[in-house]
């Protein structure tokens, strides 16, 4: 692996660290929920605690790569597409090891109370062509005359590639696109993961969780070569404390005064983080303007790190139709209260001519009583 300017040497993890190494995928079907921000924050937090972290950008928009300083015109031969191109070779696991780029953060400081050296951060940048190249790789592998049948499956080869990186990194973090269905990269990320982190940024994302969970459950089945499902952790992002009395009453006894969080916590318990990322409502149109942003991220990332490092039952062993119905019922109540108090006004557009000029006359249509 290299940086711009000099090379670094990264020895393999010792046996104890290697046993604890994990692959984390940050996933949600909804865009703008804070996947990339949370994945970067978590990776940096882990590095500050002495862990080696490899980010892999599995989103064709390459937001993660750009946020980490790698613009689209840099390192064209060191991107995720090249990982797929190498897969048709028998020794691709060794060949791919030169692809990641070491990322140096000038002001990366250690966590308070941690006396060791901070870990190494590296990145395998994404590409806008990654989906297409992955699909082409499937065709090439299926027609291979030199690879055994088991080795022709791209899911298994991608997982093997990730596991090879775990010989040197404590954590591999996969940032995915906000489009689960139909995304080959999301399918591959899921199949390679030990833990799924799902950021939820409000009622809309929470209402879509049933669909996300169903997709994760279906795609991580034995028919896709997965014998053990990854675990799932939910984190509330970009939230604000409720100011509607009926919603405030739903938050009693919870650390976050937000009704959506309360609903998630009541039904899903330990799989929902007690910490979240607050948003300043007065600045919600400005990107990531949040109250106490640094402290919020540090608290959330610390909690995620603790959850994924401790034994706990698998989420999908506890999720069932009753859980789904309970969560849906609670969220529908929140939705009804929110709409009642904050009813939108729709406008009916009338097109008329006046004194030879064409104008648009807008009539207000009031839908419900405002309080």
Protein backbone atom coordinates (compact mmCIF):
# COMPACT_ATOMS: atom_id res chain seq x y z
CA UNK A 1 0.00 0.00 0.00
CA UNK A 2 1.17 3.53 -0.62
CA UNK A 3 0.58 7.14 0.13
CA UNK A 4 1.17 10.01 -2.23
CA UNK A 5 4.85 10.52 -1.60
CA UNK A 6 6.11 7.48 0.28
CA UNK A 7 5.41 3.82 0.99
CA UNK A 8 4.37 2.29 4.27
CA UNK A 9 4.83 -1.23 5.58
CA UNK A 10 1.92 -2.93 7.32
CA UNK A 11 2.67 -6.26 9.03
CA UNK A 12 -0.01 -8.95 9.37
CA UNK A 13 -2.20 -8.85 12.47
CA UNK A 14 -1.22 -11.14 15.30
CA UNK A 15 -3.45 -14.16 15.89
CA UNK A 16 -5.51 -12.54 18.67
CA UNK A 17 -6.31 -9.43 16.62
CA UNK A 18 -7.01 -11.51 13.52
CA UNK A 19 -9.69 -13.47 15.40
CA UNK A 20 -11.54 -10.24 16.20
CA UNK A 21 -11.27 -8.70 12.71
CA UNK A 22 -14.62 -7.81 11.11
CA UNK A 23 -16.24 -6.48 7.95
CA UNK A 24 -18.77 -3.67 8.49
CA UNK A 25 -21.19 -2.58 5.75
CA UNK A 26 -23.07 0.70 6.09
CA UNK A 27 -26.38 0.23 4.29
CA UNK A 28 -29.80 1.79 3.82
CA UNK A 29 -32.13 2.07 0.86
CA UNK A 30 -32.68 5.78 1.56
CA UNK A 31 -30.26 8.42 0.39
CA UNK A 32 -29.09 11.30 2.55
CA UNK A 33 -29.40 9.40 5.83
CA UNK A 34 -25.74 9.80 6.81
CA UNK A 35 -24.25 6.49 5.65
CA UNK A 36 -21.00 7.95 4.34
CA UNK A 37 -20.56 10.41 7.22
CA UNK A 38 -21.18 7.70 9.80
CA UNK A 39 -18.93 5.16 8.07
CA UNK A 40 -16.04 7.64 7.94
CA UNK A 41 -16.60 8.67 11.56
CA UNK A 42 -16.67 5.04 12.70
CA UNK A 43 -13.53 4.13 10.78
CA UNK A 44 -11.59 7.12 12.11
CA UNK A 45 -12.80 6.36 15.65
CA UNK A 46 -11.54 2.77 15.36
CA UNK A 47 -8.18 3.96 13.99
CA UNK A 48 -7.85 6.36 16.91
CA UNK A 49 -8.19 3.35 19.22
CA UNK A 50 -5.26 1.60 17.53
CA UNK A 51 -7.10 -0.42 14.88
CA UNK A 52 -6.08 -0.72 11.24
CA UNK A 53 -9.03 0.26 9.05
CA UNK A 54 -9.57 -0.26 5.32
CA UNK A 55 -12.42 1.65 3.65
CA UNK A 56 -13.83 0.23 0.42
CA UNK A 57 -16.08 2.53 -1.60
CA UNK A 58 -18.89 0.34 -2.99
CA UNK A 59 -20.98 3.28 -4.21
CA UNK A 60 -20.62 4.29 -7.86
CA UNK A 61 -21.11 7.92 -6.82
CA UNK A 62 -17.76 7.64 -4.97
CA UNK A 63 -18.76 10.04 -2.20
CA UNK A 64 -16.57 8.23 0.33
CA UNK A 65 -13.51 8.44 -1.93
CA UNK A 66 -14.08 12.14 -2.57
CA UNK A 67 -14.64 12.89 1.12
CA UNK A 68 -11.32 11.22 1.89
CA UNK A 69 -9.48 13.39 -0.61
CA UNK A 70 -9.33 11.07 -3.64
CA UNK A 71 -10.95 12.85 -6.58
CA UNK A 72 -12.25 10.92 -9.58
CA UNK A 73 -9.16 11.63 -11.69
CA UNK A 74 -6.66 10.14 -9.22
CA UNK A 75 -5.45 6.52 -8.97
CA UNK A 76 -7.50 5.21 -11.89
CA UNK A 77 -5.57 1.91 -11.76
CA UNK A 78 -6.07 1.48 -8.00
CA UNK A 79 -9.86 1.39 -7.77
CA UNK A 80 -12.55 -1.19 -7.02
CA UNK A 81 -12.91 -1.89 -10.73
CA UNK A 82 -9.35 -3.24 -10.80
CA UNK A 83 -10.21 -5.62 -7.96
CA UNK A 84 -12.94 -7.11 -10.18
CA UNK A 85 -10.65 -7.17 -13.22
CA UNK A 86 -8.12 -9.25 -11.29
CA UNK A 87 -10.69 -11.83 -10.18
CA UNK A 88 -10.39 -13.95 -13.31
CA UNK A 89 -6.77 -14.68 -12.37
CA UNK A 90 -5.99 -17.65 -10.14
CA UNK A 91 -3.64 -15.63 -7.93
CA UNK A 92 -5.88 -12.54 -7.72
CA UNK A 93 -5.82 -12.53 -3.91
CA UNK A 94 -2.13 -11.68 -3.91
CA UNK A 95 -2.36 -9.35 -6.91
CA UNK A 96 -5.08 -7.19 -5.32
CA UNK A 97 -3.00 -6.39 -2.24
CA UNK A 98 -1.27 -3.44 -3.94
CA UNK A 99 -4.57 -1.64 -4.61
CA UNK A 100 -5.39 0.16 -1.30
CA UNK A 101 -4.00 3.64 -0.71
CA UNK A 102 -2.83 4.75 2.73
CA UNK A 103 -4.65 7.86 3.93
CA UNK A 104 -2.82 10.15 6.34
CA UNK A 105 -4.89 12.43 8.56
CA UNK A 106 -2.59 15.18 9.85
CA UNK A 107 -4.58 15.73 13.03
CA UNK A 108 -5.57 12.14 13.85
CA UNK A 109 -5.36 12.09 17.64
CA UNK A 110 -5.72 9.09 19.93
CA UNK A 111 -8.84 8.41 21.95
CA UNK A 112 -8.80 9.69 25.50
CA UNK A 113 -7.54 6.94 27.78
CA UNK A 114 -5.85 5.01 24.93
CA UNK A 115 -2.07 4.88 25.40
CA UNK A 116 -1.04 3.00 22.26
CA UNK A 117 -0.32 4.13 18.73
CA UNK A 118 -3.20 5.00 16.41
CA UNK A 119 -3.91 2.56 13.59
CA UNK A 120 -3.42 2.80 9.84
CA UNK A 121 -6.23 4.08 7.60
CA UNK A 122 -6.37 2.94 3.98
CA UNK A 123 -8.85 3.27 1.12
CA UNK A 124 -9.78 1.24 -1.94
CA UNK A 125 -11.47 4.01 -3.97
CA UNK A 126 -14.72 3.48 -5.83
CA UNK A 127 -15.50 3.99 -9.50
CA UNK A 128 -18.53 5.09 -11.47
CA UNK A 129 -17.98 1.98 -13.61
CA UNK A 130 -17.78 -0.51 -10.72
CA UNK A 131 -21.28 -1.97 -11.24
CA UNK A 132 -20.64 -2.53 -14.97
CA UNK A 133 -17.20 -4.05 -14.43
CA UNK A 134 -18.56 -6.36 -11.72
CA UNK A 135 -21.32 -7.53 -14.08
CA UNK A 136 -18.76 -8.14 -16.84
CA UNK A 137 -16.61 -10.08 -14.37
CA UNK A 138 -19.53 -12.44 -13.71
CA UNK A 139 -19.64 -13.27 -17.42
CA UNK A 140 -15.89 -13.79 -17.58
CA UNK A 141 -15.86 -16.04 -14.51
CA UNK A 142 -18.77 -18.15 -15.74
CA UNK A 143 -16.92 -18.85 -18.99
CA UNK A 144 -13.57 -19.62 -17.38
CA UNK A 145 -11.98 -22.95 -18.34
CA UNK A 146 -9.24 -22.76 -15.70
CA UNK A 147 -11.23 -22.05 -12.52
CA UNK A 148 -13.21 -24.65 -10.59
CA UNK A 149 -16.98 -24.12 -10.40
CA UNK A 150 -16.84 -22.85 -6.79
CA UNK A 151 -14.24 -20.26 -7.79
CA UNK A 152 -16.39 -18.86 -10.59
CA UNK A 153 -18.92 -17.24 -8.25
CA UNK A 154 -18.19 -13.55 -7.89
CA UNK A 155 -19.76 -13.39 -4.42
CA UNK A 156 -17.33 -15.97 -3.07
CA UNK A 157 -14.35 -14.36 -4.78
CA UNK A 158 -15.29 -10.91 -3.48
CA UNK A 159 -15.68 -12.29 0.03
CA UNK A 160 -12.31 -14.04 -0.28
CA UNK A 161 -10.78 -10.74 -1.38
CA UNK A 162 -12.16 -8.96 1.68
CA UNK A 163 -10.99 -11.77 4.00
CA UNK A 164 -7.49 -11.48 2.56
CA UNK A 165 -7.42 -7.82 3.56
CA UNK A 166 -8.45 -8.84 7.08
CA UNK A 167 -5.03 -10.42 7.49
CA UNK A 168 -3.72 -6.84 7.80
CA UNK A 169 -6.73 -4.76 8.86
CA UNK A 170 -8.80 -5.06 12.02
CA UNK A 171 -11.82 -3.65 10.19
CA UNK A 172 -12.88 -3.39 6.58
CA UNK A 173 -15.64 -0.80 6.16
CA UNK A 174 -17.86 -0.96 3.08
CA UNK A 175 -19.80 2.19 2.15
CA UNK A 176 -22.70 1.29 -0.14
CA UNK A 177 -25.14 3.00 -2.49
CA UNK A 178 -28.64 4.08 -1.38
CA UNK A 179 -30.26 1.58 -3.75
CA UNK A 180 -30.27 -1.96 -2.40
CA UNK A 181 -32.46 -3.75 -4.94
CA UNK A 182 -30.80 -4.22 -8.28
CA UNK A 183 -27.39 -3.14 -6.99
CA UNK A 184 -24.79 -5.84 -7.54
CA UNK A 185 -22.29 -3.96 -5.36
CA UNK A 186 -24.76 -3.90 -2.45
CA UNK A 187 -25.35 -7.64 -2.83
CA UNK A 188 -21.62 -8.34 -2.80
CA UNK A 189 -21.08 -6.06 0.21
CA UNK A 190 -23.81 -7.85 2.14
CA UNK A 191 -22.44 -11.29 1.30
CA UNK A 192 -18.98 -10.28 2.56
CA UNK A 193 -20.11 -8.60 5.80
CA UNK A 194 -20.14 -9.61 9.45
CA UNK A 195 -22.11 -6.57 10.62
CA UNK A 196 -24.59 -4.23 8.92
CA UNK A 197 -24.83 -0.68 10.28
CA UNK A 198 -28.06 1.02 9.18
CA UNK A 199 -28.32 4.79 9.78
CA UNK A 200 -31.92 6.01 10.17
CA UNK A 201 -32.53 9.74 9.76
CA UNK A 202 -36.20 10.03 10.66
CA UNK A 203 -39.74 8.78 10.13
CA UNK A 204 -39.45 8.20 6.38
CA UNK A 205 -36.37 6.00 6.76
CA UNK A 206 -37.93 4.17 9.72
CA UNK A 207 -41.09 3.41 7.72
CA UNK A 208 -38.87 1.90 5.01
CA UNK A 209 -37.02 -0.38 7.43
CA UNK A 210 -39.35 -3.32 6.81
CA UNK A 211 -38.30 -3.32 3.17
CA UNK A 212 -34.61 -2.97 4.06
CA UNK A 213 -34.77 -5.79 6.62
CA UNK A 214 -36.65 -8.08 4.22
CA UNK A 215 -34.03 -7.46 1.52
CA UNK A 216 -31.15 -8.11 3.93
CA UNK A 217 -32.82 -11.28 5.18
CA UNK A 218 -33.48 -12.63 1.69
CA UNK A 219 -30.07 -11.74 0.23
CA UNK A 220 -28.16 -13.27 3.15
CA UNK A 221 -29.62 -16.75 2.75
CA UNK A 222 -27.90 -20.08 1.95
CA UNK A 223 -29.09 -19.76 -1.66
CA UNK A 224 -26.63 -16.86 -1.95
CA UNK A 225 -23.86 -18.85 -0.31
CA UNK A 226 -24.28 -17.27 3.14
CA UNK A 227 -24.47 -19.80 5.97
CA UNK A 228 -24.40 -17.24 8.80
CA UNK A 229 -26.32 -13.99 8.50
CA UNK A 230 -24.57 -10.74 9.41
CA UNK A 231 -25.84 -8.94 12.49
CA UNK A 232 -27.65 -5.60 12.29
CA UNK A 233 -27.29 -2.35 14.25
CA UNK A 234 -29.49 0.73 13.78
CA UNK A 235 -28.32 4.28 14.53
CA UNK A 236 -30.43 7.45 14.56
CA UNK A 237 -28.83 10.26 12.55
CA UNK A 238 -29.76 13.87 11.80
CA UNK A 239 -32.52 13.78 14.38
CA UNK A 240 -34.05 16.62 16.37
CA UNK A 241 -35.87 16.50 19.66
CA UNK A 242 -39.64 16.49 19.21
CA UNK A 243 -41.60 19.65 20.00
CA UNK A 244 -45.13 18.23 19.63
CA UNK A 245 -46.67 17.34 22.98
CA UNK A 246 -48.17 14.04 21.79
CA UNK A 247 -44.78 12.94 20.45
CA UNK A 248 -42.88 14.11 23.52
CA UNK A 249 -45.07 11.85 25.68
CA UNK A 250 -43.93 8.85 23.62
CA UNK A 251 -40.28 9.46 24.51
CA UNK A 252 -40.62 9.11 28.28
CA UNK A 253 -37.85 6.98 29.75
CA UNK A 254 -35.65 7.12 26.64
CA UNK A 255 -32.25 8.86 26.37
CA UNK A 256 -33.15 10.47 23.03
CA UNK A 257 -36.30 12.63 23.09
CA UNK A 258 -37.46 11.61 19.64
CA UNK A 259 -40.57 9.50 19.03
CA UNK A 260 -39.06 7.57 16.09
CA UNK A 261 -36.13 6.54 18.29
CA UNK A 262 -38.53 5.49 21.06
CA UNK A 263 -40.51 3.32 18.64
CA UNK A 264 -37.35 1.65 17.32
CA UNK A 265 -35.95 1.12 20.81
CA UNK A 266 -39.22 -0.27 22.21
CA UNK A 267 -39.43 -2.92 19.49
CA UNK A 268 -35.81 -3.64 18.56
CA UNK A 269 -34.08 -3.03 21.90
CA UNK A 270 -30.35 -3.78 21.92
CA UNK A 271 -30.05 -3.49 18.13
CA UNK A 272 -30.72 0.28 18.32
CA UNK A 273 -27.92 2.57 19.53
CA UNK A 274 -28.71 4.77 22.53
CA UNK A 275 -26.64 7.58 21.00
CA UNK A 276 -27.39 9.47 17.81
CA UNK A 277 -26.44 12.48 15.69
CA UNK A 278 -28.55 15.56 16.44
CA UNK A 279 -29.42 18.15 13.81
CA UNK A 280 -29.94 21.86 14.35
CA UNK A 281 -33.41 22.48 12.92
CA UNK A 282 -32.59 26.14 12.32
CA UNK A 283 -29.72 25.07 10.04
CA UNK A 284 -31.19 21.92 8.51
CA UNK A 285 -30.64 23.19 4.96
CA UNK A 286 -26.91 23.44 5.61
CA UNK A 287 -24.95 20.23 5.25
CA UNK A 288 -24.24 18.48 8.57
CA UNK A 289 -24.82 21.47 10.84
CA UNK A 290 -25.41 19.64 14.11
CA UNK A 291 -25.39 20.37 17.81
CA UNK A 292 -22.25 19.06 19.46
CA UNK A 293 -21.39 17.20 16.28
CA UNK A 294 -17.99 15.93 17.42
CA UNK A 295 -19.28 14.65 20.75
CA UNK A 296 -22.35 13.07 19.14
CA UNK A 297 -20.25 11.18 16.61
CA UNK A 298 -17.73 10.10 19.21
CA UNK A 299 -20.47 8.78 21.52
CA UNK A 300 -22.26 6.98 18.69
CA UNK A 301 -19.09 5.49 17.20
CA UNK A 302 -17.96 4.30 20.61
CA UNK A 303 -21.29 2.57 21.16
CA UNK A 304 -21.18 0.91 17.72
CA UNK A 305 -17.63 -0.29 18.44
CA UNK A 306 -18.77 -1.84 21.72
CA UNK A 307 -21.82 -3.50 20.18
CA UNK A 308 -19.94 -5.15 17.32
CA UNK A 309 -17.13 -6.36 19.59
CA UNK A 310 -19.38 -8.12 22.11
CA UNK A 311 -21.30 -11.40 21.65
CA UNK A 312 -25.02 -10.84 21.10
CA UNK A 313 -27.90 -12.73 19.46
CA UNK A 314 -28.29 -12.27 15.73
CA UNK A 315 -30.91 -9.67 14.81
CA UNK A 316 -32.63 -11.98 12.33
CA UNK A 317 -33.15 -14.64 14.99
CA UNK A 318 -35.38 -12.20 16.88
CA UNK A 319 -37.08 -10.36 14.00
CA UNK A 320 -40.49 -11.79 13.08
CA UNK A 321 -43.92 -10.76 11.81
CA UNK A 322 -44.98 -9.64 15.28
CA UNK A 323 -41.94 -7.36 15.55
CA UNK A 324 -42.69 -5.92 12.13
CA UNK A 325 -46.36 -5.28 12.98
CA UNK A 326 -45.53 -3.65 16.33
CA UNK A 327 -42.98 -1.33 14.77
CA UNK A 328 -45.29 -0.42 11.89
CA UNK A 329 -48.16 0.38 14.28
CA UNK A 330 -45.99 2.67 16.42
CA UNK A 331 -44.59 4.49 13.39
CA UNK A 332 -48.06 4.97 11.87
CA UNK A 333 -49.20 6.68 15.07
CA UNK A 334 -46.20 9.03 14.86
CA UNK A 335 -46.98 9.67 11.20
CA UNK A 336 -50.63 10.50 11.98
CA UNK A 337 -49.68 12.91 14.77
CA UNK A 338 -47.06 14.60 12.60
CA UNK A 339 -49.44 15.07 9.67
CA UNK A 340 -52.18 16.35 11.97
CA UNK A 341 -49.92 19.03 13.44
CA UNK A 342 -47.97 19.88 10.33
CA UNK A 343 -50.46 19.46 7.52
CA UNK A 344 -49.08 20.49 4.13
CA UNK A 345 -50.91 22.89 1.82
CA UNK A 346 -51.12 21.77 -1.79
CA UNK A 347 -51.43 24.30 -4.58
CA UNK A 348 -53.57 23.79 -7.65
CA UNK A 349 -52.01 25.43 -10.71
CA UNK A 350 -54.41 27.35 -12.99
CA UNK A 351 -53.14 28.50 -16.40
CA UNK A 352 -54.88 31.63 -17.71
CA UNK A 353 -54.34 34.36 -20.26
CA UNK A 354 -54.61 38.00 -19.23
CA UNK A 355 -54.27 41.05 -21.46
CA UNK A 356 -52.45 39.07 -24.06
CA UNK A 357 -49.96 37.68 -21.55
CA UNK A 358 -49.86 34.12 -20.31
CA UNK A 359 -49.69 33.86 -16.53
CA UNK A 360 -49.88 31.16 -13.90
CA UNK A 361 -52.49 31.75 -11.22
CA UNK A 362 -52.04 29.62 -8.11
CA UNK A 363 -55.03 28.66 -5.97
CA UNK A 364 -54.41 27.42 -2.44
CA UNK A 365 -56.07 24.16 -1.46
CA UNK A 366 -56.16 23.71 2.31
CA UNK A 367 -56.09 20.04 3.36
CA UNK A 368 -57.00 19.90 7.01
CA UNK A 369 -57.03 22.25 9.93
CA UNK A 370 -53.80 23.80 11.14
CA UNK A 371 -53.15 23.93 14.87
